[in-house]
N, C-alpha and C. Protein backbone atom coordinates (compact mmCIF):
# COMPACT_ATOMS: atom_id res chain seq x y z
N UNK A 1 -13.88 -70.71 260.72
CA UNK A 1 -15.39 -71.33 261.08
C UNK A 1 -15.81 -71.47 259.48
N UNK A 2 -15.56 -70.65 258.66
CA UNK A 2 -16.11 -70.82 257.48
C UNK A 2 -15.80 -72.18 256.80
N UNK A 3 -14.54 -72.54 257.23
CA UNK A 3 -13.87 -74.02 256.49
C UNK A 3 -14.88 -75.07 256.84
N UNK A 4 -14.98 -75.10 258.39
CA UNK A 4 -16.04 -75.96 259.29
C UNK A 4 -17.19 -76.30 258.72
N UNK A 5 -18.20 -75.00 258.91
CA UNK A 5 -19.59 -74.83 258.53
C UNK A 5 -19.86 -74.35 257.23
N UNK A 6 -18.87 -73.91 256.48
CA UNK A 6 -18.99 -73.14 255.28
C UNK A 6 -19.92 -72.04 255.21
N UNK A 7 -19.63 -71.09 254.40
CA UNK A 7 -20.16 -69.63 254.38
C UNK A 7 -21.48 -69.56 253.71
N UNK A 8 -22.55 -68.77 254.18
CA UNK A 8 -23.88 -68.60 254.12
C UNK A 8 -23.81 -68.02 252.51
N UNK A 9 -25.25 -68.40 252.09
CA UNK A 9 -25.16 -67.95 250.44
C UNK A 9 -25.34 -66.39 250.65
N UNK A 10 -24.99 -65.53 249.76
CA UNK A 10 -25.39 -64.11 249.90
C UNK A 10 -27.06 -63.78 249.51
N UNK A 11 -27.57 -63.22 250.13
CA UNK A 11 -29.08 -62.87 250.12
C UNK A 11 -29.25 -62.19 248.71
N UNK A 12 -30.14 -62.88 247.69
CA UNK A 12 -30.37 -62.00 246.54
C UNK A 12 -31.46 -60.82 247.18
N UNK A 13 -31.14 -59.82 246.10
CA UNK A 13 -31.92 -58.61 246.34
C UNK A 13 -33.09 -58.65 246.35
N UNK A 14 -34.02 -58.01 246.95
CA UNK A 14 -35.32 -57.99 247.25
C UNK A 14 -35.78 -57.47 245.85
N UNK A 15 -36.92 -58.15 245.29
CA UNK A 15 -37.64 -57.98 244.20
C UNK A 15 -38.28 -56.75 244.22
N UNK A 16 -38.34 -56.12 242.82
CA UNK A 16 -38.94 -54.89 243.03
C UNK A 16 -40.05 -54.82 241.64
N UNK A 17 -41.04 -53.77 241.48
CA UNK A 17 -41.95 -53.80 240.84
C UNK A 17 -41.39 -53.65 239.27
N UNK A 18 -40.56 -52.86 239.32
CA UNK A 18 -40.00 -52.73 237.95
C UNK A 18 -39.49 -53.94 236.89
N UNK A 19 -38.53 -54.89 237.66
CA UNK A 19 -38.40 -56.00 237.40
C UNK A 19 -39.43 -56.83 237.12
N UNK A 20 -40.33 -57.10 237.91
CA UNK A 20 -41.67 -57.91 237.97
C UNK A 20 -42.35 -57.39 236.62
N UNK A 21 -42.62 -55.98 236.33
CA UNK A 21 -43.26 -55.73 235.32
C UNK A 21 -42.83 -56.05 233.81
N UNK A 22 -41.29 -56.18 233.82
CA UNK A 22 -40.61 -56.52 232.87
C UNK A 22 -40.66 -57.91 232.45
N UNK A 23 -40.60 -58.71 233.58
CA UNK A 23 -41.01 -60.16 233.55
C UNK A 23 -42.20 -60.52 232.85
N UNK A 24 -43.40 -59.86 233.20
CA UNK A 24 -44.82 -60.19 233.11
C UNK A 24 -44.99 -60.01 231.70
N UNK A 25 -44.25 -58.77 231.12
CA UNK A 25 -44.68 -58.24 229.67
C UNK A 25 -43.90 -59.03 228.92
N UNK A 26 -42.81 -59.58 229.06
CA UNK A 26 -41.88 -60.63 228.39
C UNK A 26 -42.78 -61.99 228.20
N UNK A 27 -43.21 -62.30 229.31
CA UNK A 27 -44.21 -63.62 229.21
C UNK A 27 -45.51 -63.32 228.42
N UNK A 28 -46.17 -62.07 228.43
CA UNK A 28 -47.07 -61.66 227.39
C UNK A 28 -46.89 -61.84 226.19
N UNK A 29 -45.61 -60.94 225.79
CA UNK A 29 -45.29 -60.96 224.25
C UNK A 29 -44.93 -62.45 223.82
N UNK A 30 -44.55 -63.50 224.68
CA UNK A 30 -44.07 -64.78 224.24
C UNK A 30 -45.40 -65.40 223.89
N UNK A 31 -46.49 -65.20 224.86
CA UNK A 31 -47.68 -66.00 224.58
C UNK A 31 -48.38 -65.36 223.00
N UNK A 32 -48.50 -63.96 222.93
CA UNK A 32 -48.71 -63.39 221.86
C UNK A 32 -47.99 -63.86 220.46
N UNK A 33 -47.01 -64.48 220.24
CA UNK A 33 -46.16 -65.13 219.24
C UNK A 33 -46.89 -66.43 219.19
N UNK A 34 -47.35 -67.02 220.27
CA UNK A 34 -47.88 -68.71 220.34
C UNK A 34 -49.16 -68.34 219.49
N UNK A 35 -50.04 -67.09 219.94
CA UNK A 35 -51.17 -67.07 219.49
C UNK A 35 -51.26 -66.90 218.12
N UNK A 36 -50.37 -66.02 217.47
CA UNK A 36 -49.92 -65.65 216.22
C UNK A 36 -49.95 -67.01 215.04
N UNK A 37 -48.80 -68.03 215.97
CA UNK A 37 -48.81 -69.18 215.07
C UNK A 37 -49.81 -70.12 214.94
N UNK A 38 -50.55 -69.99 216.06
CA UNK A 38 -51.95 -70.79 215.90
C UNK A 38 -53.23 -70.24 215.00
N UNK A 39 -52.96 -68.61 215.00
CA UNK A 39 -53.88 -68.15 214.03
C UNK A 39 -53.34 -68.80 212.52
N UNK A 40 -52.30 -68.63 212.29
CA UNK A 40 -51.75 -69.17 210.79
C UNK A 40 -52.00 -70.71 210.44
N UNK A 41 -51.89 -71.24 211.71
CA UNK A 41 -52.31 -72.88 211.72
C UNK A 41 -54.09 -72.80 211.42
N UNK A 42 -54.88 -72.18 211.92
CA UNK A 42 -56.20 -72.14 211.73
C UNK A 42 -56.47 -71.73 210.29
N UNK A 43 -55.74 -70.60 209.83
CA UNK A 43 -56.04 -70.19 208.57
C UNK A 43 -55.91 -71.27 207.45
N UNK A 44 -54.73 -72.23 207.57
CA UNK A 44 -54.36 -73.46 206.92
C UNK A 44 -55.73 -74.25 206.61
N UNK A 45 -56.27 -74.73 207.91
CA UNK A 45 -57.05 -75.49 208.08
C UNK A 45 -58.14 -75.21 207.53
N UNK A 46 -58.86 -73.85 207.62
CA UNK A 46 -59.91 -73.22 207.07
C UNK A 46 -59.78 -73.41 205.47
N UNK A 47 -58.65 -73.12 204.94
CA UNK A 47 -58.67 -73.21 203.45
C UNK A 47 -59.07 -74.66 202.96
N UNK A 48 -58.19 -75.47 203.95
CA UNK A 48 -58.17 -76.97 203.51
C UNK A 48 -59.77 -77.26 203.20
N UNK A 49 -60.49 -76.68 204.47
CA UNK A 49 -62.12 -77.24 204.68
C UNK A 49 -62.88 -76.65 203.22
N UNK A 50 -62.62 -75.64 202.77
CA UNK A 50 -62.91 -74.72 201.87
C UNK A 50 -63.17 -75.85 200.35
N UNK A 51 -61.81 -76.57 200.39
CA UNK A 51 -61.48 -77.33 199.09
C UNK A 51 -62.22 -78.68 199.27
N UNK A 52 -62.39 -79.14 200.30
CA UNK A 52 -62.89 -80.73 200.77
C UNK A 52 -64.12 -80.86 200.94
N UNK A 53 -64.66 -81.86 200.32
CA UNK A 53 -66.14 -82.23 200.39
C UNK A 53 -66.21 -82.97 201.71
N UNK A 54 -67.64 -82.62 202.23
CA UNK A 54 -68.07 -83.27 203.49
C UNK A 54 -67.64 -84.89 203.39
N UNK A 55 -67.28 -85.08 204.57
CA UNK A 55 -66.80 -86.49 204.72
C UNK A 55 -65.99 -86.92 205.89
N UNK A 56 -65.14 -87.88 205.86
CA UNK A 56 -64.47 -88.37 207.25
C UNK A 56 -63.34 -87.45 207.20
N UNK A 57 -62.75 -87.21 206.08
CA UNK A 57 -61.37 -86.34 205.81
C UNK A 57 -61.59 -84.84 206.45
N UNK A 58 -62.80 -84.27 206.10
CA UNK A 58 -63.03 -83.02 206.48
C UNK A 58 -63.42 -82.99 207.63
N UNK A 59 -63.85 -83.91 208.30
CA UNK A 59 -64.14 -84.14 209.82
C UNK A 59 -63.20 -84.06 210.58
N UNK A 60 -61.88 -84.81 209.95
CA UNK A 60 -60.82 -84.64 210.69
C UNK A 60 -59.81 -83.48 210.52
N UNK A 61 -60.14 -83.04 209.81
CA UNK A 61 -59.56 -81.53 209.83
C UNK A 61 -60.06 -80.61 210.55
N UNK A 62 -61.34 -80.63 210.48
CA UNK A 62 -62.26 -79.75 211.64
C UNK A 62 -61.86 -80.15 212.76
N UNK A 63 -61.62 -81.43 213.32
CA UNK A 63 -61.19 -81.53 214.72
C UNK A 63 -59.99 -81.07 214.91
N UNK A 64 -59.28 -81.15 214.18
CA UNK A 64 -57.71 -80.27 214.58
C UNK A 64 -57.73 -79.13 214.46
N UNK A 65 -58.55 -78.45 213.89
CA UNK A 65 -58.61 -76.74 213.75
C UNK A 65 -59.40 -76.40 215.08
N UNK A 66 -60.39 -77.24 215.35
CA UNK A 66 -61.03 -77.22 216.80
C UNK A 66 -60.22 -77.20 218.34
N UNK A 67 -59.21 -78.05 218.04
CA UNK A 67 -58.31 -78.29 218.91
C UNK A 67 -57.11 -77.27 218.98
N UNK A 68 -56.98 -76.65 217.51
CA UNK A 68 -55.79 -75.47 217.82
C UNK A 68 -56.63 -74.17 218.15
N UNK A 69 -57.95 -74.31 217.85
CA UNK A 69 -58.89 -73.07 218.58
C UNK A 69 -58.86 -73.08 219.96
N UNK A 70 -58.99 -74.31 220.59
CA UNK A 70 -59.25 -73.94 221.98
C UNK A 70 -57.79 -73.98 222.62
N UNK A 71 -56.71 -74.19 222.02
CA UNK A 71 -55.59 -73.69 222.47
C UNK A 71 -55.28 -72.10 222.51
N UNK A 72 -55.71 -71.71 221.29
CA UNK A 72 -55.78 -70.46 221.21
C UNK A 72 -56.55 -69.74 222.27
N UNK A 73 -57.52 -70.33 222.52
CA UNK A 73 -58.71 -69.50 223.91
C UNK A 73 -57.86 -69.34 224.92
N UNK A 74 -57.17 -70.59 225.47
CA UNK A 74 -56.36 -70.94 226.24
C UNK A 74 -55.21 -69.91 226.49
N UNK A 75 -54.67 -69.79 225.41
CA UNK A 75 -53.45 -68.58 225.51
C UNK A 75 -53.74 -67.41 225.65
N UNK A 76 -54.99 -66.99 224.76
CA UNK A 76 -55.67 -65.66 225.12
C UNK A 76 -55.94 -65.29 226.45
N UNK A 77 -56.56 -66.41 227.18
CA UNK A 77 -56.87 -66.03 228.44
C UNK A 77 -55.80 -65.63 229.47
N UNK A 78 -54.76 -66.67 229.10
CA UNK A 78 -53.24 -66.33 230.11
C UNK A 78 -52.88 -65.09 229.66
N UNK A 79 -52.85 -64.69 228.19
CA UNK A 79 -52.31 -63.22 228.10
C UNK A 79 -53.09 -62.28 228.80
N UNK A 80 -54.27 -62.58 228.71
CA UNK A 80 -55.25 -61.19 229.23
C UNK A 80 -54.81 -61.32 230.84
N UNK A 81 -54.70 -62.15 231.37
CA UNK A 81 -54.40 -62.19 232.85
C UNK A 81 -53.00 -61.52 233.16
N UNK A 82 -51.95 -62.00 232.28
CA UNK A 82 -50.81 -61.36 232.49
C UNK A 82 -50.71 -59.94 232.31
N UNK A 83 -51.59 -59.36 231.09
CA UNK A 83 -51.47 -57.95 230.93
C UNK A 83 -52.22 -57.17 232.02
N UNK A 84 -53.75 -57.77 232.60
CA UNK A 84 -53.96 -57.00 233.79
C UNK A 84 -53.06 -57.00 235.09
N UNK A 85 -52.27 -58.25 235.33
CA UNK A 85 -51.30 -57.96 236.39
C UNK A 85 -50.17 -56.98 236.06
N UNK A 86 -49.56 -57.25 234.87
CA UNK A 86 -48.72 -55.84 234.51
C UNK A 86 -49.43 -54.38 234.65
N UNK A 87 -50.57 -54.22 234.36
CA UNK A 87 -51.20 -52.81 234.42
C UNK A 87 -51.38 -52.67 236.20
N UNK A 88 -51.69 -53.67 236.88
CA UNK A 88 -51.88 -53.51 238.40
C UNK A 88 -50.39 -52.88 239.03
N UNK A 89 -49.44 -53.70 238.70
CA UNK A 89 -48.34 -53.38 239.35
C UNK A 89 -47.56 -52.03 238.68
N UNK A 90 -47.90 -51.84 237.32
CA UNK A 90 -47.84 -50.35 236.85
C UNK A 90 -48.08 -49.38 237.67
N UNK A 91 -49.57 -49.48 238.24
CA UNK A 91 -50.32 -48.52 238.83
C UNK A 91 -49.32 -48.50 240.21
N UNK A 92 -49.39 -49.51 240.88
CA UNK A 92 -48.52 -49.67 242.12
C UNK A 92 -47.39 -48.76 241.86
N UNK A 93 -46.74 -49.40 241.10
CA UNK A 93 -45.38 -48.70 240.80
C UNK A 93 -45.15 -47.24 240.82
N UNK A 94 -46.45 -46.49 240.06
CA UNK A 94 -46.40 -45.45 239.94
C UNK A 94 -46.91 -44.68 240.95
N UNK A 95 -47.53 -45.20 242.08
CA UNK A 95 -48.05 -44.72 243.25
C UNK A 95 -46.92 -44.60 244.22
N UNK A 96 -46.09 -45.77 244.37
CA UNK A 96 -44.77 -45.78 245.07
C UNK A 96 -43.78 -44.38 244.56
N UNK A 97 -43.75 -44.49 243.33
CA UNK A 97 -42.63 -43.22 242.68
C UNK A 97 -43.09 -42.01 243.29
N UNK A 98 -44.70 -41.92 243.01
CA UNK A 98 -45.23 -40.49 243.26
C UNK A 98 -45.10 -40.04 245.02
N UNK A 99 -45.12 -41.31 245.89
CA UNK A 99 -44.79 -41.05 247.01
C UNK A 99 -43.16 -40.76 247.24
N UNK A 100 -42.57 -41.36 246.55
CA UNK A 100 -40.81 -40.98 246.68
C UNK A 100 -40.74 -39.32 246.50
N UNK A 101 -41.35 -39.33 245.07
CA UNK A 101 -41.22 -37.76 244.60
C UNK A 101 -41.70 -36.79 245.88
N UNK A 102 -42.81 -37.00 246.26
CA UNK A 102 -43.35 -36.21 247.13
C UNK A 102 -42.46 -36.17 248.53
N UNK A 103 -41.97 -37.10 248.95
CA UNK A 103 -40.94 -36.98 250.11
C UNK A 103 -39.84 -36.45 249.48
N UNK A 104 -39.19 -36.46 248.43
CA UNK A 104 -38.20 -35.73 248.17
C UNK A 104 -38.42 -33.97 247.85
N UNK A 105 -39.58 -33.67 247.44
CA UNK A 105 -40.00 -32.51 247.29
C UNK A 105 -39.98 -31.88 248.61
N UNK A 106 -40.85 -32.62 249.86
CA UNK A 106 -40.72 -32.05 251.25
C UNK A 106 -39.36 -32.03 251.75
N UNK A 107 -38.87 -32.82 251.45
CA UNK A 107 -37.21 -32.75 252.15
C UNK A 107 -36.72 -31.40 251.40
N UNK A 108 -36.98 -31.23 250.10
CA UNK A 108 -36.18 -30.02 249.37
C UNK A 108 -36.87 -28.57 250.10
N UNK A 109 -38.10 -28.68 250.11
CA UNK A 109 -38.63 -27.51 250.81
C UNK A 109 -38.13 -27.22 252.40
N UNK A 110 -37.93 -28.36 253.27
CA UNK A 110 -37.49 -28.14 254.36
C UNK A 110 -36.06 -27.63 254.43
N UNK A 111 -35.22 -28.00 253.62
CA UNK A 111 -34.05 -27.44 253.25
C UNK A 111 -34.07 -26.27 252.71
N UNK A 112 -34.79 -25.60 252.04
CA UNK A 112 -35.15 -24.24 251.77
C UNK A 112 -35.62 -23.49 252.74
N UNK A 113 -36.37 -24.01 253.48
CA UNK A 113 -36.84 -23.18 254.62
C UNK A 113 -35.97 -23.02 255.58
N UNK A 114 -35.10 -23.89 255.91
CA UNK A 114 -33.98 -23.41 256.63
C UNK A 114 -33.00 -22.40 256.28
N UNK A 115 -32.93 -22.52 255.05
CA UNK A 115 -31.83 -21.38 254.26
C UNK A 115 -32.41 -20.33 254.44
N UNK A 116 -33.81 -20.22 254.30
CA UNK A 116 -34.40 -18.83 254.29
C UNK A 116 -34.27 -18.13 255.51
N UNK A 117 -34.37 -18.85 256.71
CA UNK A 117 -34.20 -18.52 258.02
C UNK A 117 -32.95 -17.79 258.32
N UNK A 118 -32.08 -18.79 257.75
CA UNK A 118 -30.59 -18.27 258.14
C UNK A 118 -30.50 -16.85 257.40
N UNK A 119 -30.86 -16.80 256.28
CA UNK A 119 -30.81 -15.21 255.50
C UNK A 119 -31.41 -14.47 256.01
N UNK A 120 -32.77 -14.76 256.22
CA UNK A 120 -33.65 -13.55 257.01
C UNK A 120 -33.02 -13.10 258.65
N UNK A 121 -32.14 -13.80 259.11
CA UNK A 121 -31.65 -13.32 260.05
C UNK A 121 -30.71 -12.15 259.92
N UNK A 122 -29.85 -12.24 258.75
CA UNK A 122 -29.30 -11.22 258.43
C UNK A 122 -29.62 -10.05 257.76
N UNK A 123 -31.03 -9.90 257.65
CA UNK A 123 -31.86 -8.95 257.25
C UNK A 123 -32.37 -8.16 258.29
N UNK A 124 -32.18 -6.72 258.35
CA UNK A 124 -32.83 -5.88 259.47
C UNK A 124 -33.78 -4.77 258.87
N UNK A 125 -35.04 -5.26 258.99
CA UNK A 125 -36.21 -4.35 258.40
C UNK A 125 -35.72 -2.74 258.90
N UNK A 126 -35.32 -2.52 260.20
CA UNK A 126 -35.08 -1.13 260.52
C UNK A 126 -34.13 -0.67 259.68
N UNK A 127 -33.05 -1.21 259.11
CA UNK A 127 -31.81 -0.61 258.60
C UNK A 127 -32.23 -0.45 256.95
N UNK A 128 -33.25 -1.37 256.38
CA UNK A 128 -33.70 -0.94 255.22
C UNK A 128 -34.66 0.16 255.28
N UNK A 129 -35.71 0.51 255.85
CA UNK A 129 -36.47 1.69 256.27
C UNK A 129 -35.63 2.85 256.52
N UNK A 130 -34.28 2.66 257.11
CA UNK A 130 -33.30 3.97 257.24
C UNK A 130 -32.67 4.37 255.94
N UNK A 131 -32.48 3.20 255.34
CA UNK A 131 -31.56 3.71 254.00
C UNK A 131 -32.70 4.08 253.24
N UNK A 132 -33.73 3.71 253.20
CA UNK A 132 -34.94 4.17 252.01
C UNK A 132 -35.42 5.58 252.60
N UNK A 133 -35.14 6.11 254.12
CA UNK A 133 -35.70 7.41 254.43
C UNK A 133 -34.40 8.31 253.89
N UNK A 134 -33.01 7.69 254.04
CA UNK A 134 -31.87 8.54 253.59
C UNK A 134 -32.14 8.98 252.28
N UNK A 135 -32.19 8.07 251.37
CA UNK A 135 -32.51 7.99 250.01
C UNK A 135 -33.57 9.05 249.47
N UNK A 136 -34.53 9.17 250.35
CA UNK A 136 -35.74 10.08 249.74
C UNK A 136 -35.20 11.47 250.23
N UNK A 137 -34.34 11.75 251.60
CA UNK A 137 -33.94 12.82 252.01
C UNK A 137 -32.92 13.49 250.79
N UNK A 138 -32.07 12.30 250.36
CA UNK A 138 -31.10 13.02 249.29
C UNK A 138 -31.76 13.43 247.95
N UNK A 139 -32.59 12.89 247.71
CA UNK A 139 -33.51 13.26 246.55
C UNK A 139 -34.00 14.47 246.77
N UNK A 140 -34.64 14.86 247.67
CA UNK A 140 -35.33 16.00 247.85
C UNK A 140 -34.05 16.97 247.83
N UNK A 141 -33.01 16.88 248.62
CA UNK A 141 -31.96 17.76 248.40
C UNK A 141 -31.42 17.94 247.19
N UNK A 142 -31.51 16.93 246.33
CA UNK A 142 -30.76 17.15 244.75
C UNK A 142 -31.75 17.97 244.09
N UNK A 143 -33.11 17.83 244.51
CA UNK A 143 -34.02 18.74 243.49
C UNK A 143 -34.05 20.02 244.14
N UNK A 144 -33.90 20.43 245.48
CA UNK A 144 -33.54 21.68 245.93
C UNK A 144 -32.37 22.43 245.36
N UNK A 145 -31.34 21.64 245.03
CA UNK A 145 -30.05 21.93 244.33
C UNK A 145 -30.29 22.37 242.93
N UNK A 146 -31.14 21.79 242.00
CA UNK A 146 -31.22 21.91 240.74
C UNK A 146 -32.23 23.22 240.69
N UNK A 147 -33.10 23.19 241.63
CA UNK A 147 -34.04 24.59 241.75
C UNK A 147 -33.15 25.99 241.62
N UNK A 148 -32.21 25.74 242.91
CA UNK A 148 -31.52 26.75 243.10
C UNK A 148 -30.56 27.06 241.78
N UNK A 149 -29.92 26.07 241.03
CA UNK A 149 -28.88 26.45 240.13
C UNK A 149 -29.76 26.91 238.97
N UNK A 150 -31.17 26.80 238.71
CA UNK A 150 -31.92 27.17 237.50
C UNK A 150 -32.73 28.46 237.66
N UNK A 151 -32.20 28.83 239.21
CA UNK A 151 -33.06 30.17 239.40
C UNK A 151 -32.49 31.65 238.47
N UNK A 152 -33.30 32.40 237.91
CA UNK A 152 -32.84 33.53 237.12
C UNK A 152 -32.73 34.67 237.86
N UNK A 153 -31.75 35.60 237.60
CA UNK A 153 -31.23 36.62 238.60
C UNK A 153 -30.95 37.73 237.60
N UNK A 154 -31.05 39.14 237.74
CA UNK A 154 -30.46 40.22 236.86
C UNK A 154 -31.49 40.50 235.80
N UNK A 155 -32.57 39.69 235.94
CA UNK A 155 -33.60 40.16 234.85
C UNK A 155 -34.82 41.00 235.27
N UNK A 156 -34.96 42.42 234.53
CA UNK A 156 -35.82 43.24 235.36
C UNK A 156 -37.20 42.91 234.92
N UNK A 157 -37.89 43.39 236.18
CA UNK A 157 -39.41 42.77 236.26
C UNK A 157 -40.10 43.86 235.03
N UNK A 158 -41.09 43.11 234.31
CA UNK A 158 -41.78 43.64 233.24
C UNK A 158 -43.53 43.30 233.44
N UNK A 159 -44.09 44.41 233.33
CA UNK A 159 -45.35 44.34 233.58
C UNK A 159 -46.20 43.25 232.37
N UNK A 160 -47.01 42.90 232.73
CA UNK A 160 -47.69 42.00 231.51
C UNK A 160 -48.84 42.76 230.62
N UNK A 161 -49.26 44.13 231.11
CA UNK A 161 -50.00 44.77 230.50
C UNK A 161 -48.72 45.56 229.43
N UNK A 162 -47.63 45.70 229.71
CA UNK A 162 -46.56 46.41 229.02
C UNK A 162 -46.68 45.44 227.55
N UNK A 163 -46.43 44.04 228.10
CA UNK A 163 -45.96 42.95 227.10
C UNK A 163 -47.30 42.77 226.07
N UNK A 164 -48.52 42.85 226.62
CA UNK A 164 -49.57 42.83 225.60
C UNK A 164 -49.81 43.85 224.62
N UNK A 165 -49.28 45.15 225.19
CA UNK A 165 -49.47 46.45 224.30
C UNK A 165 -48.34 46.03 223.28
N UNK A 166 -47.22 45.90 223.55
CA UNK A 166 -46.35 45.49 222.50
C UNK A 166 -46.55 44.79 221.44
N UNK A 167 -47.04 43.55 222.02
CA UNK A 167 -47.30 42.44 221.13
C UNK A 167 -48.30 43.10 220.33
N UNK A 168 -49.49 43.82 220.65
CA UNK A 168 -50.40 44.47 219.70
C UNK A 168 -49.74 45.33 218.57
N UNK A 169 -48.80 46.13 219.09
CA UNK A 169 -48.30 47.19 218.37
C UNK A 169 -47.21 46.05 217.02
N UNK A 170 -46.75 45.01 217.09
CA UNK A 170 -45.86 44.37 216.57
C UNK A 170 -46.97 44.00 215.52
N UNK A 171 -48.23 43.73 215.67
CA UNK A 171 -49.12 43.26 214.62
C UNK A 171 -49.33 44.32 213.47
N UNK A 172 -49.63 45.69 214.05
CA UNK A 172 -49.56 46.94 213.48
C UNK A 172 -48.43 47.23 212.47
N UNK A 173 -47.14 46.98 213.03
CA UNK A 173 -46.06 47.09 212.17
C UNK A 173 -46.06 46.26 210.91
N UNK A 174 -46.58 44.84 211.10
CA UNK A 174 -46.34 43.91 210.16
C UNK A 174 -47.39 44.50 209.14
N UNK A 175 -48.44 44.75 209.40
CA UNK A 175 -49.51 45.16 208.35
C UNK A 175 -49.09 46.31 207.36
N UNK A 176 -47.95 47.25 208.42
CA UNK A 176 -47.75 48.67 207.69
C UNK A 176 -46.50 48.18 206.69
N UNK A 177 -45.87 46.97 207.12
CA UNK A 177 -44.86 46.80 206.01
C UNK A 177 -45.42 46.06 204.85
N UNK A 178 -46.40 45.53 204.91
CA UNK A 178 -47.10 44.71 203.80
C UNK A 178 -47.47 45.87 202.58
N UNK A 179 -46.88 46.30 201.95
CA UNK A 179 -46.61 47.09 200.74
C UNK A 179 -47.04 46.41 199.47
N UNK A 180 -48.18 46.97 198.95
CA UNK A 180 -48.85 46.28 197.69
C UNK A 180 -48.45 47.27 196.56
N UNK A 181 -47.54 48.19 196.58
CA UNK A 181 -47.32 49.03 195.58
C UNK A 181 -46.59 48.20 194.07
N UNK A 182 -46.00 47.32 194.70
CA UNK A 182 -45.31 47.00 193.61
C UNK A 182 -46.36 46.14 192.41
N UNK A 183 -47.53 45.73 193.19
CA UNK A 183 -48.72 44.93 192.08
C UNK A 183 -49.21 46.20 191.11
N UNK A 184 -49.12 47.48 191.56
CA UNK A 184 -49.79 48.35 190.74
C UNK A 184 -48.64 48.57 189.54
N UNK A 185 -47.32 48.81 190.00
CA UNK A 185 -46.64 48.79 188.87
C UNK A 185 -46.68 47.88 187.75
N UNK A 186 -46.87 46.67 188.35
CA UNK A 186 -46.76 45.30 187.72
C UNK A 186 -48.12 45.36 186.37
N UNK A 187 -49.00 45.90 187.00
CA UNK A 187 -50.23 46.16 186.06
C UNK A 187 -50.16 47.29 185.21
N UNK A 188 -49.43 48.17 185.29
CA UNK A 188 -49.22 49.15 184.45
C UNK A 188 -47.92 48.92 183.23
N UNK A 189 -47.55 47.67 183.44
CA UNK A 189 -46.23 47.23 182.58
C UNK A 189 -47.10 46.91 181.28
N UNK A 190 -46.20 47.34 180.10
CA UNK A 190 -46.86 46.72 178.68
C UNK A 190 -47.43 45.15 178.80
N UNK A 191 -48.41 45.19 178.12
CA UNK A 191 -48.89 43.85 178.11
C UNK A 191 -48.06 42.83 176.94
N UNK A 192 -48.28 41.59 177.05
CA UNK A 192 -47.54 40.62 176.16
C UNK A 192 -47.88 41.00 174.69
N UNK A 193 -47.11 41.05 173.82
CA UNK A 193 -47.52 41.23 172.34
C UNK A 193 -48.73 39.97 172.23
N UNK A 194 -49.59 40.56 171.18
CA UNK A 194 -50.46 39.55 170.77
C UNK A 194 -50.40 39.43 169.21
N UNK A 195 -50.71 38.54 168.49
CA UNK A 195 -50.66 38.19 166.94
C UNK A 195 -49.26 38.02 166.67
N UNK A 196 -49.08 37.58 165.22
CA UNK A 196 -47.92 37.40 164.67
C UNK A 196 -46.89 38.15 164.38
N UNK A 197 -45.60 37.97 164.39
CA UNK A 197 -44.73 38.91 164.08
C UNK A 197 -44.89 39.49 162.63
N UNK A 198 -44.86 40.98 162.44
CA UNK A 198 -44.95 41.48 161.10
C UNK A 198 -46.74 41.94 160.78
N UNK A 199 -47.53 41.50 161.78
CA UNK A 199 -48.92 41.71 161.62
C UNK A 199 -49.28 43.15 162.10
N UNK A 200 -49.96 44.12 161.57
CA UNK A 200 -50.06 45.13 161.98
C UNK A 200 -51.53 45.21 162.76
N UNK A 201 -51.36 45.86 163.89
CA UNK A 201 -52.43 46.06 164.74
C UNK A 201 -52.31 47.58 165.44
N UNK A 202 -53.42 47.91 165.91
CA UNK A 202 -53.88 49.30 166.15
C UNK A 202 -54.05 49.34 167.69
N UNK A 203 -53.83 50.26 168.50
CA UNK A 203 -54.24 50.43 169.70
C UNK A 203 -54.68 52.17 169.95
N UNK A 204 -56.09 52.10 170.28
CA UNK A 204 -56.56 53.40 170.44
C UNK A 204 -56.36 54.62 169.04
N UNK A 205 -56.56 53.65 167.78
CA UNK A 205 -56.27 54.31 166.66
C UNK A 205 -54.96 54.67 166.22
N UNK A 206 -53.99 54.13 166.93
CA UNK A 206 -52.41 54.46 166.64
C UNK A 206 -51.94 52.90 166.23
N UNK A 207 -51.26 52.84 165.16
CA UNK A 207 -50.65 51.57 164.88
C UNK A 207 -49.67 51.33 165.51
N UNK A 208 -49.59 50.21 165.86
CA UNK A 208 -48.34 49.51 166.65
C UNK A 208 -47.83 48.46 166.23
N UNK A 209 -46.38 47.99 166.50
CA UNK A 209 -45.52 46.92 165.63
C UNK A 209 -45.96 45.37 166.68
N UNK A 210 -45.52 44.68 166.40
CA UNK A 210 -45.65 43.29 167.44
C UNK A 210 -45.08 43.43 168.25
N UNK A 211 -44.49 44.41 169.12
CA UNK A 211 -44.14 44.49 170.39
C UNK A 211 -45.04 45.59 171.35
N UNK A 212 -46.36 46.12 170.66
CA UNK A 212 -47.18 47.10 171.15
C UNK A 212 -46.52 48.29 171.16
N UNK A 213 -45.43 48.71 170.37
CA UNK A 213 -44.95 49.91 170.55
C UNK A 213 -45.51 50.87 169.12
N UNK A 214 -45.78 52.29 169.32
CA UNK A 214 -46.31 52.93 168.24
C UNK A 214 -45.16 52.83 166.95
N UNK A 215 -45.80 52.43 165.85
CA UNK A 215 -44.97 52.82 164.51
C UNK A 215 -44.82 54.22 164.47
N UNK A 216 -43.54 54.28 163.74
CA UNK A 216 -43.10 55.65 163.11
C UNK A 216 -43.48 55.37 161.74
N UNK A 217 -44.31 56.61 161.70
CA UNK A 217 -44.85 56.59 160.01
C UNK A 217 -43.40 56.98 158.91
N UNK A 218 -43.68 56.19 158.16
CA UNK A 218 -42.77 56.20 156.77
C UNK A 218 -42.77 57.63 156.50
N UNK A 219 -41.55 58.01 155.94
CA UNK A 219 -41.36 59.58 155.56
C UNK A 219 -41.11 59.23 153.85
């Protein structure tokens, strides 16, 4: 059948906003290049007009500049129109993409909710509460065991009044042990010699040597 009637042409994929935006942007860039060339031409005509005197030649150059300026304005209008089209398509594309992302998010939430329901079926609240009660009972039993192991036994009972009396007596014993007689002995010890060696000095009318000892009279 294909040999007789021929095969149909394959259908082209439908246009999408991303491709359309790229095409419009490339056209706008092409017009920008044309506008730049016209700007350079206008500057050339302007410089020529500055150097020329008024007359037919200057008017001819002026007419050329006016024609170039008119083309520039036309290209600028086309560029602005293309840029507005591109902006509108970008906004539409953003909205479409946002809706797609929203649908994807909703689908993912549905799948997550279904998984949560399956997992929740395997969880029994009564079993969890029973486990918690058992753990609490075991902790209380462990505390009782530790208290029983730390109990003291075989220690005689002692009255608190007796302990306070013994404590006061210990303070008196500490005061009695604080003997200061060694201070008296230190005060009665010979004083440190004063003066230079060989110098004679006296104490209570008795000559003493440099060590503070009484001198033996010479025979």
